Amino acid sequence: MQNNSIQVIGLQKSYKQHQVLKGVDFEVEKGSIFALLGSNGAGKTTVVKILTTLLKQDSGTATVNGFDVASKPENVRQAISLTGQFAAVDEILTGRENLIMIAKLRYLKNPRQVADDLLKRFGLTDAADRRASTYSGGMRRRLDIALSLVGKPQIIFLDEPTTGLDPEARIEVWKIVKELADGGTTVLLTTQYLEEAEQLADRIAILHEGRIIASGTLSELKKLFPSAKVEYVEKQPTLEEIFLAIIGKKEGK
């Protein structure tokens, strides 16, 4: 348990008559990148909302950084940061002002220094005094992730961090995510891009229709791939093929 940043057991959640999560279990090791992979509507954002204390589960338990999300939400919030699908950037403020504002909200000692360090780290120094509304999609996303790092949270949740980004900006975000984990930060990211999970994650869990239908390292998931489909020339199955094969198996196709 000590080595896990996140532990989820039997998580269930319904909206009115619709059951979104039907008993979700997984754990995330400290300092690792964990990808929750699933198509639109699979329940990924619901899982993130519960883990970040924005939503209460109907049943099951979840602990983040050793604290129960339902009974100790304040302790959980102190250890985490969340970047959603849409940039939480104040368009009217400059990049620097956005960072200083968050640093002040987190009661950090030297907000200007914190801002300068993050601007430099994310390659935004030249654009620091421009309004965020003038930033490209990739720059805005970089600023967004920089904002989530103010105060050095131990665990970062990235909900579909590269949605709507061009390939170049996407690769840039991947680089940042890898650097975070290398620095000891735990990263949980949700994605519907199979390539993203393949590139980044130490472990991948596939969420389908409210349940985790497979989880493990990429090589473990590849072993689940039906051997009959491995062609005469030993071709490594892609995560996409594994994903489709597993979903197909579950749906009895």
Protein backbone atom coordinates (compact mmCIF):
# COMPACT_ATOMS: atom_id res chain seq x y z
CA MET A 1 0.00 0.00 0.00
CA GLN A 2 2.84 2.41 0.87
CA ASN A 3 4.14 2.25 -2.66
CA ASN A 4 0.81 3.18 -4.23
CA SER A 5 -0.16 6.79 -4.80
CA ILE A 6 -3.68 5.83 -5.85
CA GLN A 7 -5.80 2.82 -4.86
CA VAL A 8 -9.28 2.29 -6.29
CA ILE A 9 -11.55 -0.56 -5.20
CA GLY A 10 -15.05 -1.31 -6.51
CA LEU A 11 -15.85 2.23 -7.65
CA GLN A 12 -19.44 2.67 -8.79
CA LYS A 13 -21.25 5.76 -10.00
CA SER A 14 -24.62 6.34 -11.65
CA TYR A 15 -26.21 9.45 -13.11
CA LYS A 16 -29.99 9.07 -12.72
CA GLN A 17 -30.73 5.67 -14.32
CA HIS A 18 -27.44 5.36 -16.16
CA GLN A 19 -24.63 3.44 -14.45
CA VAL A 20 -21.34 4.96 -15.63
CA LEU A 21 -18.92 3.04 -13.40
CA LYS A 22 -19.75 -0.58 -12.62
CA GLY A 23 -17.02 -1.52 -10.14
CA VAL A 24 -13.66 -0.11 -11.15
CA ASP A 25 -10.43 -1.36 -9.52
CA PHE A 26 -6.85 -0.27 -10.12
CA GLU A 27 -3.76 1.00 -8.36
CA VAL A 28 -1.06 3.44 -9.40
CA GLU A 29 2.51 3.17 -8.14
CA LYS A 30 4.31 6.26 -6.87
CA GLY A 31 6.34 8.05 -9.52
CA SER A 32 4.78 6.13 -12.42
CA ILE A 33 2.68 7.14 -15.41
CA PHE A 34 -0.66 5.36 -15.48
CA ALA A 35 -2.93 5.65 -18.52
CA LEU A 36 -6.66 5.13 -18.27
CA LEU A 37 -7.56 4.31 -21.84
CA GLY A 38 -11.05 4.25 -23.24
CA SER A 39 -13.33 5.61 -25.90
CA ASN A 40 -15.63 8.61 -25.37
CA GLY A 41 -18.23 7.95 -22.68
CA ALA A 42 -16.30 5.04 -21.13
CA GLY A 43 -16.28 6.81 -17.73
CA LYS A 44 -12.70 8.13 -17.68
CA THR A 45 -13.57 11.69 -16.64
CA THR A 46 -15.95 10.37 -13.97
CA VAL A 47 -13.09 8.37 -12.44
CA VAL A 48 -10.86 11.47 -12.45
CA LYS A 49 -13.60 13.63 -10.89
CA ILE A 50 -14.02 11.13 -8.05
CA LEU A 51 -10.26 10.85 -7.45
CA THR A 52 -9.87 14.64 -7.43
CA THR A 53 -12.80 15.08 -4.96
CA LEU A 54 -15.05 16.87 -7.47
CA LEU A 55 -17.62 14.08 -7.38
CA LYS A 56 -18.70 11.52 -4.78
CA GLN A 57 -18.86 7.86 -5.73
CA ASP A 58 -22.02 5.82 -4.99
CA SER A 59 -19.99 2.91 -3.61
CA GLY A 60 -16.47 1.55 -3.47
CA THR A 61 -13.39 3.27 -2.07
CA ALA A 62 -10.58 5.38 -3.44
CA THR A 63 -7.47 6.61 -1.68
CA VAL A 64 -5.09 9.19 -3.08
CA ASN A 65 -1.71 9.77 -1.39
CA GLY A 66 -2.95 7.58 1.49
CA PHE A 67 -6.13 9.61 2.12
CA ASP A 68 -9.69 8.52 1.46
CA VAL A 69 -11.23 10.81 -1.18
CA ALA A 70 -14.66 10.81 0.46
CA SER A 71 -13.69 11.32 4.12
CA LYS A 72 -10.44 13.31 3.73
CA PRO A 73 -10.95 15.47 0.61
CA GLU A 74 -8.88 18.38 2.01
CA ASN A 75 -5.79 16.18 2.47
CA VAL A 76 -6.23 14.76 -1.02
CA ARG A 77 -6.49 18.24 -2.57
CA GLN A 78 -3.22 19.32 -0.97
CA ALA A 79 -1.32 16.54 -2.74
CA ILE A 80 -2.85 16.73 -6.21
CA SER A 81 -3.30 18.87 -9.27
CA LEU A 82 -5.76 18.48 -12.13
CA THR A 83 -5.53 19.58 -15.75
CA GLY A 84 -8.82 19.06 -17.57
CA GLN A 85 -9.61 18.70 -21.24
CA PHE A 86 -10.02 22.44 -21.67
CA ALA A 87 -7.26 24.83 -20.68
CA ALA A 88 -7.98 26.53 -17.36
CA VAL A 89 -6.06 29.59 -18.45
CA ASP A 90 -7.30 33.13 -17.83
CA GLU A 91 -7.24 34.58 -21.36
CA ILE A 92 -7.10 38.22 -20.22
CA LEU A 93 -3.98 37.74 -18.11
CA THR A 94 -0.48 37.24 -19.45
CA GLY A 95 1.30 33.90 -19.02
CA ARG A 96 3.31 35.34 -16.13
CA GLU A 97 0.23 36.83 -14.42
CA ASN A 98 -1.60 33.50 -14.65
CA LEU A 99 1.27 31.74 -12.86
CA ILE A 100 1.71 34.46 -10.23
CA MET A 101 -2.02 34.35 -9.46
CA ILE A 102 -1.98 30.58 -8.84
CA ALA A 103 1.22 30.84 -6.76
CA LYS A 104 -0.49 33.47 -4.57
CA LEU A 105 -3.61 31.33 -4.25
CA ARG A 106 -1.36 28.52 -3.04
CA TYR A 107 0.30 30.88 -0.54
CA LEU A 108 3.78 30.33 -1.96
CA LYS A 109 6.57 32.54 -0.65
CA ASN A 110 7.96 33.98 -3.86
CA PRO A 111 5.24 33.93 -6.55
CA ARG A 112 7.28 35.88 -9.14
CA GLN A 113 10.25 33.51 -8.84
CA VAL A 114 7.94 30.48 -9.07
CA ALA A 115 6.40 31.96 -12.23
CA ASP A 116 9.77 32.72 -13.82
CA ASP A 117 11.08 29.20 -13.13
CA LEU A 118 8.03 27.56 -14.69
CA LEU A 119 8.01 29.91 -17.70
CA LYS A 120 11.62 28.95 -18.35
CA ARG A 121 10.98 25.24 -17.87
CA PHE A 122 8.07 25.27 -20.33
CA GLY A 123 9.77 27.45 -22.93
CA LEU A 124 7.35 30.34 -22.42
CA THR A 125 9.75 33.06 -21.27
CA ASP A 126 9.55 34.96 -24.58
CA ALA A 127 5.74 34.92 -24.45
CA ALA A 128 5.54 35.59 -20.68
CA ASP A 129 4.15 39.11 -21.00
CA ARG A 130 1.70 38.43 -23.79
CA ARG A 131 -1.95 37.80 -23.05
CA ALA A 132 -2.77 34.10 -22.96
CA SER A 133 -5.48 34.76 -25.58
CA THR A 134 -2.68 35.27 -28.14
CA TYR A 135 -1.09 31.84 -27.43
CA SER A 136 -1.31 28.90 -29.84
CA GLY A 137 -3.07 25.72 -28.69
CA GLY A 138 0.23 24.06 -27.81
CA MET A 139 1.48 27.09 -25.84
CA ARG A 140 -1.81 27.34 -23.97
CA ARG A 141 -1.61 23.67 -23.04
CA ARG A 142 1.99 24.12 -21.86
CA LEU A 143 0.89 27.06 -19.71
CA ASP A 144 -2.01 24.98 -18.42
CA ILE A 145 0.32 22.17 -17.31
CA ALA A 146 2.73 24.75 -15.84
CA LEU A 147 -0.17 26.13 -13.77
CA SER A 148 -0.91 22.66 -12.47
CA LEU A 149 2.71 22.31 -11.28
CA VAL A 150 2.68 25.41 -9.08
CA GLY A 151 3.41 24.21 -5.54
CA LYS A 152 4.97 20.92 -6.73
CA PRO A 153 2.01 18.54 -6.26
CA GLN A 154 2.93 14.87 -5.73
CA ILE A 155 0.20 13.53 -8.02
CA ILE A 156 -0.99 15.05 -11.27
CA PHE A 157 -4.19 14.14 -13.09
CA LEU A 158 -4.23 14.94 -16.79
CA ASP A 159 -7.67 14.43 -18.31
CA GLU A 160 -7.13 14.00 -22.07
CA PRO A 161 -4.21 16.45 -22.06
CA THR A 162 -3.60 16.47 -25.81
CA THR A 163 -7.17 16.66 -27.14
CA GLY A 164 -7.33 19.13 -30.01
CA LEU A 165 -3.56 19.62 -30.26
CA ASP A 166 -1.58 19.28 -33.48
CA PRO A 167 1.00 16.44 -33.64
CA GLU A 168 3.93 18.72 -32.80
CA ALA A 169 2.25 20.15 -29.68
CA ARG A 170 1.17 16.65 -28.66
CA ILE A 171 4.76 15.37 -28.74
CA GLU A 172 5.78 18.39 -26.68
CA VAL A 173 3.20 17.54 -24.00
CA TRP A 174 4.39 13.92 -23.98
CA LYS A 175 7.93 15.13 -23.30
CA ILE A 176 6.71 17.19 -20.32
CA VAL A 177 4.74 14.24 -18.91
CA LYS A 178 7.81 11.97 -19.12
CA GLU A 179 9.93 14.61 -17.37
CA LEU A 180 7.37 14.88 -14.55
CA ALA A 181 7.50 11.15 -13.87
CA ASP A 182 11.30 11.15 -14.10
CA GLY A 183 11.25 13.78 -11.36
CA GLY A 184 9.20 11.50 -9.08
CA THR A 185 5.72 12.91 -9.74
CA THR A 186 2.92 10.36 -10.13
CA VAL A 187 0.90 10.97 -13.30
CA LEU A 188 -2.55 9.59 -14.06
CA LEU A 189 -3.68 10.47 -17.53
CA THR A 190 -6.84 9.62 -19.41
CA THR A 191 -6.73 9.31 -23.15
CA GLN A 192 -8.60 7.94 -26.11
CA TYR A 193 -5.41 7.97 -28.15
CA LEU A 194 -3.92 4.50 -28.14
CA GLU A 195 -0.59 5.87 -29.33
CA GLU A 196 -0.47 8.22 -26.34
CA ALA A 197 -0.87 5.36 -23.85
CA GLU A 198 1.69 3.33 -25.77
CA GLN A 199 4.24 6.18 -25.76
CA LEU A 200 3.89 7.28 -22.16
CA ALA A 201 2.47 4.79 -19.74
CA ASP A 202 4.25 2.40 -17.40
CA ARG A 203 0.89 0.72 -16.93
CA ILE A 204 -2.31 0.92 -18.94
CA ALA A 205 -5.87 0.13 -17.88
CA ILE A 206 -8.58 -0.19 -20.50
CA LEU A 207 -11.93 1.15 -19.32
CA HIS A 208 -14.86 -0.07 -21.38
CA GLU A 209 -18.53 0.42 -20.55
CA GLY A 210 -17.82 1.25 -16.92
CA ARG A 211 -15.40 -1.57 -16.16
CA ILE A 212 -11.66 -2.14 -16.40
CA ILE A 213 -11.49 -4.98 -18.90
CA ALA A 214 -7.71 -5.30 -18.99
CA SER A 215 -4.72 -3.73 -17.28
CA GLY A 216 -0.99 -4.17 -17.16
CA THR A 217 2.20 -3.08 -18.87
CA LEU A 218 2.18 -2.82 -22.65
CA SER A 219 3.99 -6.17 -22.95
CA GLU A 220 1.47 -7.82 -20.58
CA LEU A 221 -1.41 -6.49 -22.67
CA LYS A 222 0.30 -7.79 -25.81
CA LYS A 223 0.25 -11.27 -24.26
CA LEU A 224 -3.55 -11.05 -24.02
CA PHE A 225 -3.65 -10.70 -27.77
CA PRO A 226 -4.92 -13.94 -29.33
CA SER A 227 -1.85 -15.81 -30.59
CA ALA A 228 -3.75 -17.06 -33.62
CA LYS A 229 -3.68 -13.53 -34.92
CA VAL A 230 0.09 -13.19 -34.70
CA GLU A 231 1.08 -13.42 -38.31
CA TYR A 232 3.61 -15.80 -39.80
CA VAL A 233 6.18 -13.03 -39.70
CA GLU A 234 6.35 -12.20 -35.99
CA LYS A 235 4.62 -8.84 -36.01
CA GLN A 236 4.24 -7.02 -32.70
CA PRO A 237 0.55 -6.23 -32.24
CA THR A 238 -0.18 -2.55 -31.73
CA LEU A 239 -2.14 -1.37 -28.72
CA GLU A 240 -5.00 -0.60 -31.12
CA GLU A 241 -5.19 -4.25 -32.21
CA ILE A 242 -5.04 -5.41 -28.58
CA PHE A 243 -7.75 -2.92 -27.59
CA LEU A 244 -10.08 -4.05 -30.37
CA ALA A 245 -9.38 -7.73 -29.73
CA ILE A 246 -10.12 -7.38 -25.99
CA ILE A 247 -13.28 -5.37 -26.54
CA GLY A 248 -14.36 -7.87 -29.17
CA LYS A 249 -13.81 -10.75 -26.74
CA LYS A 250 -15.78 -8.98 -23.99
CA GLU A 251 -18.70 -8.30 -26.28
CA GLY A 252 -18.65 -11.88 -27.49
CA LYS A 253 -18.14 -10.95 -31.12
